[in-house]
C-alpha atoms as a PDB file:
ATOM      1  CA  MET A   1     134.929   7.542-101.299  1.00  0.00           C
ATOM      2  CA  ALA A   2     138.136   9.382-102.064  1.00  0.00           C
ATOM      3  CA  ASN A   3     138.508  12.684-103.954  1.00  0.00           C
ATOM      4  CA  LEU A   4     135.352  14.237-102.554  1.00  0.00           C
ATOM      5  CA  ILE A   5     135.151  17.846-101.452  1.00  0.00           C
ATOM      6  CA  ARG A   6     132.896  19.214 -98.686  1.00  0.00           C
ATOM      7  CA  LEU A   7     130.355  21.794 -99.997  1.00  0.00           C
ATOM      8  CA  GLU A   8     128.755  24.048 -97.477  1.00  0.00           C
ATOM      9  CA  ILE A   9     126.141  26.664 -98.431  1.00  0.00           C
ATOM     10  CA  VAL A  10     125.078  29.154 -95.794  1.00  0.00           C
ATOM     11  CA  THR A  11     122.718  32.176 -95.973  1.00  0.00           C
ATOM     12  CA  PRO A  12     121.811  34.695 -93.251  1.00  0.00           C
ATOM     13  CA  ASP A  13     118.714  32.634 -92.611  1.00  0.00           C
ATOM     14  CA  ARG A  14     119.949  29.046 -92.633  1.00  0.00           C
ATOM     15  CA  ASN A  15     122.551  26.384 -93.350  1.00  0.00           C
ATOM     16  CA  LEU A  16     121.202  25.233 -96.713  1.00  0.00           C
ATOM     17  CA  LEU A  17     123.601  22.448 -97.511  1.00  0.00           C
ATOM     18  CA  SER A  18     126.548  20.489 -96.095  1.00  0.00           C
ATOM     19  CA  GLU A  19     127.537  17.492 -98.260  1.00  0.00           C
ATOM     20  CA  ASP A  20     130.524  15.700 -99.669  1.00  0.00           C
ATOM     21  CA  VAL A  21     130.449  16.118-103.491  1.00  0.00           C
ATOM     22  CA  GLU A  22     132.518  15.296-106.518  1.00  0.00           C
ATOM     23  CA  TYR A  23     132.513  18.738-108.222  1.00  0.00           C
ATOM     24  CA  VAL A  24     131.203  22.256-107.655  1.00  0.00           C
ATOM     25  CA  GLY A  25     130.566  24.829-110.397  1.00  0.00           C
ATOM     26  CA  ALA A  26     129.548  28.343-109.395  1.00  0.00           C
ATOM     27  CA  PRO A  27     128.998  31.837-110.884  1.00  0.00           C
ATOM     28  CA  GLY A  28     131.787  34.189-109.784  1.00  0.00           C
ATOM     29  CA  VAL A  29     131.829  37.894-110.548  1.00  0.00           C
ATOM     30  CA  SER A  30     134.779  37.307-112.877  1.00  0.00           C
ATOM     31  CA  GLY A  31     133.101  34.321-114.552  1.00  0.00           C
ATOM     32  CA  GLU A  32     132.086  30.801-113.738  1.00  0.00           C
ATOM     33  CA  PHE A  33     134.571  28.555-111.909  1.00  0.00           C
ATOM     34  CA  GLY A  34     134.814  24.891-111.097  1.00  0.00           C
ATOM     35  CA  VAL A  35     136.290  23.101-108.089  1.00  0.00           C
ATOM     36  CA  LEU A  36     137.453  19.532-107.573  1.00  0.00           C
ATOM     37  CA  HIS A  37     139.113  17.947-104.500  1.00  0.00           C
ATOM     38  CA  ASN A  38     142.619  19.348-103.764  1.00  0.00           C
ATOM     39  CA  HIS A  39     141.938  22.666-105.583  1.00  0.00           C
ATOM     40  CA  THR A  40     144.221  25.581-105.005  1.00  0.00           C
ATOM     41  CA  PRO A  41     142.800  27.895-102.273  1.00  0.00           C
ATOM     42  CA  PHE A  42     141.040  31.124-103.312  1.00  0.00           C
ATOM     43  CA  LEU A  43     138.349  33.585-102.362  1.00  0.00           C
ATOM     44  CA  THR A  44     135.927  35.246-104.776  1.00  0.00           C
ATOM     45  CA  ALA A  45     132.657  37.137-104.865  1.00  0.00           C
ATOM     46  CA  LEU A  46     129.548  35.376-106.213  1.00  0.00           C
ATOM     47  CA  SER A  47     127.365  36.674-108.947  1.00  0.00           C
ATOM     48  CA  ILE A  48     123.706  35.872-109.608  1.00  0.00           C
ATOM     49  CA  GLY A  49     123.175  32.525-111.163  1.00  0.00           C
ATOM     50  CA  SER A  50     123.063  28.734-110.855  1.00  0.00           C
ATOM     51  CA  LEU A  51     125.513  26.886-108.760  1.00  0.00           C
ATOM     52  CA  PHE A  52     125.692  23.148-109.470  1.00  0.00           C
ATOM     53  CA  TYR A  53     127.410  20.242-107.852  1.00  0.00           C
ATOM     54  CA  LYS A  54     127.856  16.591-108.782  1.00  0.00           C
ATOM     55  CA  LYS A  55     127.159  13.884-106.300  1.00  0.00           C
ATOM     56  CA  GLU A  56     127.150  10.172-107.215  1.00  0.00           C
ATOM     57  CA  GLY A  57     127.277  11.164-110.871  1.00  0.00           C
ATOM     58  CA  ARG A  58     124.124  13.347-110.787  1.00  0.00           C
ATOM     59  CA  LYS A  59     123.934  17.132-111.133  1.00  0.00           C
ATOM     60  CA  TYR A  60     122.098  19.205-108.501  1.00  0.00           C
ATOM     61  CA  PHE A  61     121.333  22.918-108.842  1.00  0.00           C
ATOM     62  CA  VAL A  62     121.135  25.788-106.401  1.00  0.00           C
ATOM     63  CA  PHE A  63     120.166  29.406-107.183  1.00  0.00           C
ATOM     64  CA  VAL A  64     122.599  31.922-105.567  1.00  0.00           C
ATOM     65  CA  SER A  65     122.565  35.630-105.507  1.00  0.00           C
ATOM     66  CA  GLY A  66     125.506  37.590-104.112  1.00  0.00           C
ATOM     67  CA  GLY A  67     127.969  36.645-101.418  1.00  0.00           C
ATOM     68  CA  PHE A  68     131.362  35.021-101.312  1.00  0.00           C
ATOM     69  CA  THR A  69     132.997  31.631-101.933  1.00  0.00           C
ATOM     70  CA  GLU A  70     136.065  30.359-100.092  1.00  0.00           C
ATOM     71  CA  VAL A  71     137.796  27.330-101.609  1.00  0.00           C
ATOM     72  CA  THR A  72     140.391  25.160 -99.765  1.00  0.00           C
ATOM     73  CA  PRO A  73     141.769  21.796-100.961  1.00  0.00           C
ATOM     74  CA  THR A  74     139.075  19.916 -99.083  1.00  0.00           C
ATOM     75  CA  LYS A  75     136.141  22.391 -98.793  1.00  0.00           C
ATOM     76  CA  VAL A  76     134.016  24.905-100.672  1.00  0.00           C
ATOM     77  CA  SER A  77     132.238  27.387 -98.406  1.00  0.00           C
ATOM     78  CA  ILE A  78     129.511  29.440 -99.998  1.00  0.00           C
ATOM     79  CA  LEU A  79     128.280  32.485 -97.931  1.00  0.00           C
ATOM     80  CA  ALA A  80     125.344  33.703-100.058  1.00  0.00           C
ATOM     81  CA  GLU A  81     122.965  36.543 -99.542  1.00  0.00           C
ATOM     82  CA  VAL A  82     120.265  34.340-101.110  1.00  0.00           C
ATOM     83  CA  ALA A  83     120.388  30.604-101.943  1.00  0.00           C
ATOM     84  CA  GLU A  84     117.580  28.219-102.919  1.00  0.00           C
ATOM     85  CA  LYS A  85     117.721  24.567-103.945  1.00  0.00           C
ATOM     86  CA  ALA A  86     116.116  24.168-107.386  1.00  0.00           C
ATOM     87  CA  ASP A  87     113.264  22.108-105.911  1.00  0.00           C
ATOM     88  CA  GLU A  88     112.497  24.958-103.516  1.00  0.00           C
ATOM     89  CA  ILE A  89     112.052  27.577-106.224  1.00  0.00           C
ATOM     90  CA  SER A  90     108.476  28.597-106.784  1.00  0.00           C
ATOM     91  CA  ILE A  91     108.024  28.929-110.561  1.00  0.00           C
ATOM     92  CA  GLU A  92     104.900  31.045-110.124  1.00  0.00           C
ATOM     93  CA  ARG A  93     106.683  33.434-107.752  1.00  0.00           C
ATOM     94  CA  ALA A  94     109.684  33.791-110.064  1.00  0.00           C
ATOM     95  CA  ARG A  95     107.470  34.388-113.097  1.00  0.00           C
ATOM     96  CA  LYS A  96     105.483  37.118-111.221  1.00  0.00           C
ATOM     97  CA  ALA A  97     108.760  38.769-110.084  1.00  0.00           C
ATOM     98  CA  LYS A  98     109.977  38.726-113.673  1.00  0.00           C
ATOM     99  CA  GLU A  99     106.729  40.302-114.904  1.00  0.00           C
ATOM    100  CA  ARG A 100     106.897  43.035-112.238  1.00  0.00           C
ATOM    101  CA  ALA A 101     110.508  43.767-113.150  1.00  0.00           C
ATOM    102  CA  GLU A 102     109.660  43.954-116.877  1.00  0.00           C
ATOM    103  CA  GLN A 103     106.857  46.395-116.115  1.00  0.00           C
ATOM    104  CA  ARG A 104     109.137  48.602-114.002  1.00  0.00           C
ATOM    105  CA  LEU A 105     111.833  48.601-116.744  1.00  0.00           C
ATOM    106  CA  GLN A 106     109.225  49.777-119.318  1.00  0.00           C
ATOM    107  CA  GLN A 107     108.325  52.791-117.199  1.00  0.00           C
ATOM    108  CA  GLU A 108     110.077  56.073-117.575  1.00  0.00           C
ATOM    109  CA  LYS A 109     113.588  55.687-116.290  1.00  0.00           C
ATOM    110  CA  GLU A 110     113.318  58.773-114.108  1.00  0.00           C
ATOM    111  CA  GLN A 111     110.432  57.210-112.181  1.00  0.00           C
ATOM    112  CA  ILE A 112     112.199  54.053-111.099  1.00  0.00           C
ATOM    113  CA  ASP A 113     115.438  52.761-109.753  1.00  0.00           C
ATOM    114  CA  TYR A 114     116.621  51.222-112.942  1.00  0.00           C
ATOM    115  CA  ALA A 115     119.491  49.244-111.348  1.00  0.00           C
ATOM    116  CA  ARG A 116     117.172  47.663-108.753  1.00  0.00           C
ATOM    117  CA  ALA A 117     114.629  46.687-111.389  1.00  0.00           C
ATOM    118  CA  LYS A 118     117.325  45.205-113.604  1.00  0.00           C
ATOM    119  CA  ALA A 119     118.707  43.186-110.669  1.00  0.00           C
ATOM    120  CA  ALA A 120     115.260  41.897-109.821  1.00  0.00           C
ATOM    121  CA  MET A 121     114.858  40.804-113.443  1.00  0.00           C
ATOM    122  CA  ALA A 122     118.171  38.964-113.394  1.00  0.00           C
ATOM    123  CA  ARG A 123     117.313  37.155-110.114  1.00  0.00           C
ATOM    124  CA  ALA A 124     113.944  36.052-111.507  1.00  0.00           C
ATOM    125  CA  MET A 125     115.372  34.847-114.746  1.00  0.00           C
ATOM    126  CA  HIS A 126     118.149  32.901-113.080  1.00  0.00           C
ATOM    127  CA  ARG A 127     115.762  31.234-110.639  1.00  0.00           C
ATOM    128  CA  LEU A 128     113.704  30.015-113.614  1.00  0.00           C
ATOM    129  CA  ARG A 129     116.830  28.856-115.447  1.00  0.00           C
ATOM    130  CA  CYS A 130     118.134  27.048-112.315  1.00  0.00           C
ATOM    131  CA  ARG A 131     114.811  25.247-111.941  1.00  0.00           C
ATOM    132  CA  ASP A 132     114.750  24.301-115.664  1.00  0.00           C
ATOM    133  CA  ASP A 133     118.375  22.981-115.437  1.00  0.00           C
ATOM    134  CA  ALA A 134     117.457  20.793-112.447  1.00  0.00           C
ATOM    135  CA  VAL A 135     114.344  19.394-114.205  1.00  0.00           C
ATOM    136  CA  SER A 136     116.410  18.679-117.343  1.00  0.00           C
ATOM    137  CA  ALA A 137     119.074  16.890-115.200  1.00  0.00           C
ATOM    138  CA  GLY A 138     116.359  14.798-113.519  1.00  0.00           C
ATOM    139  CA  THR A 139     117.135  16.029-110.024  1.00  0.00           C
ATOM    140  CA  CYS A 140     114.009  18.094-109.626  1.00  0.00           C
ATOM    141  CA  SER A 141     110.403  17.403-110.613  1.00  0.00           C
ATOM    142  CA  MET A 142     108.001  19.850-112.259  1.00  0.00           C
END
């Protein structure tokens, strides 16, 4: 099928995904961006959030946290510090991480590394949102 773009997602641990897709939407540090076939080349840093792609008319979601994206007219390369497909996300683990982060944030600020606790909270919340988005789109079961 014409007008597809190759999406590759790689972490330090594994090659998570390599597929031809119709569209990629991702969280950049300067805001969300979208990519179609024949896009202008660019390079950007990734933020914490949900990346999604469309394949055969369906939306699929991937949680990403940190890293970089390189876009060429025929390929989107995601080099992420952390990436998980929505169906791999453990809801229980994410909820517990969120609870731990909330508890740390309620402690006296001098006793904790506030920035680390806030980042942990953001990762947990985005994991849960990514999973919810995939369930809503029908590409992931409860």
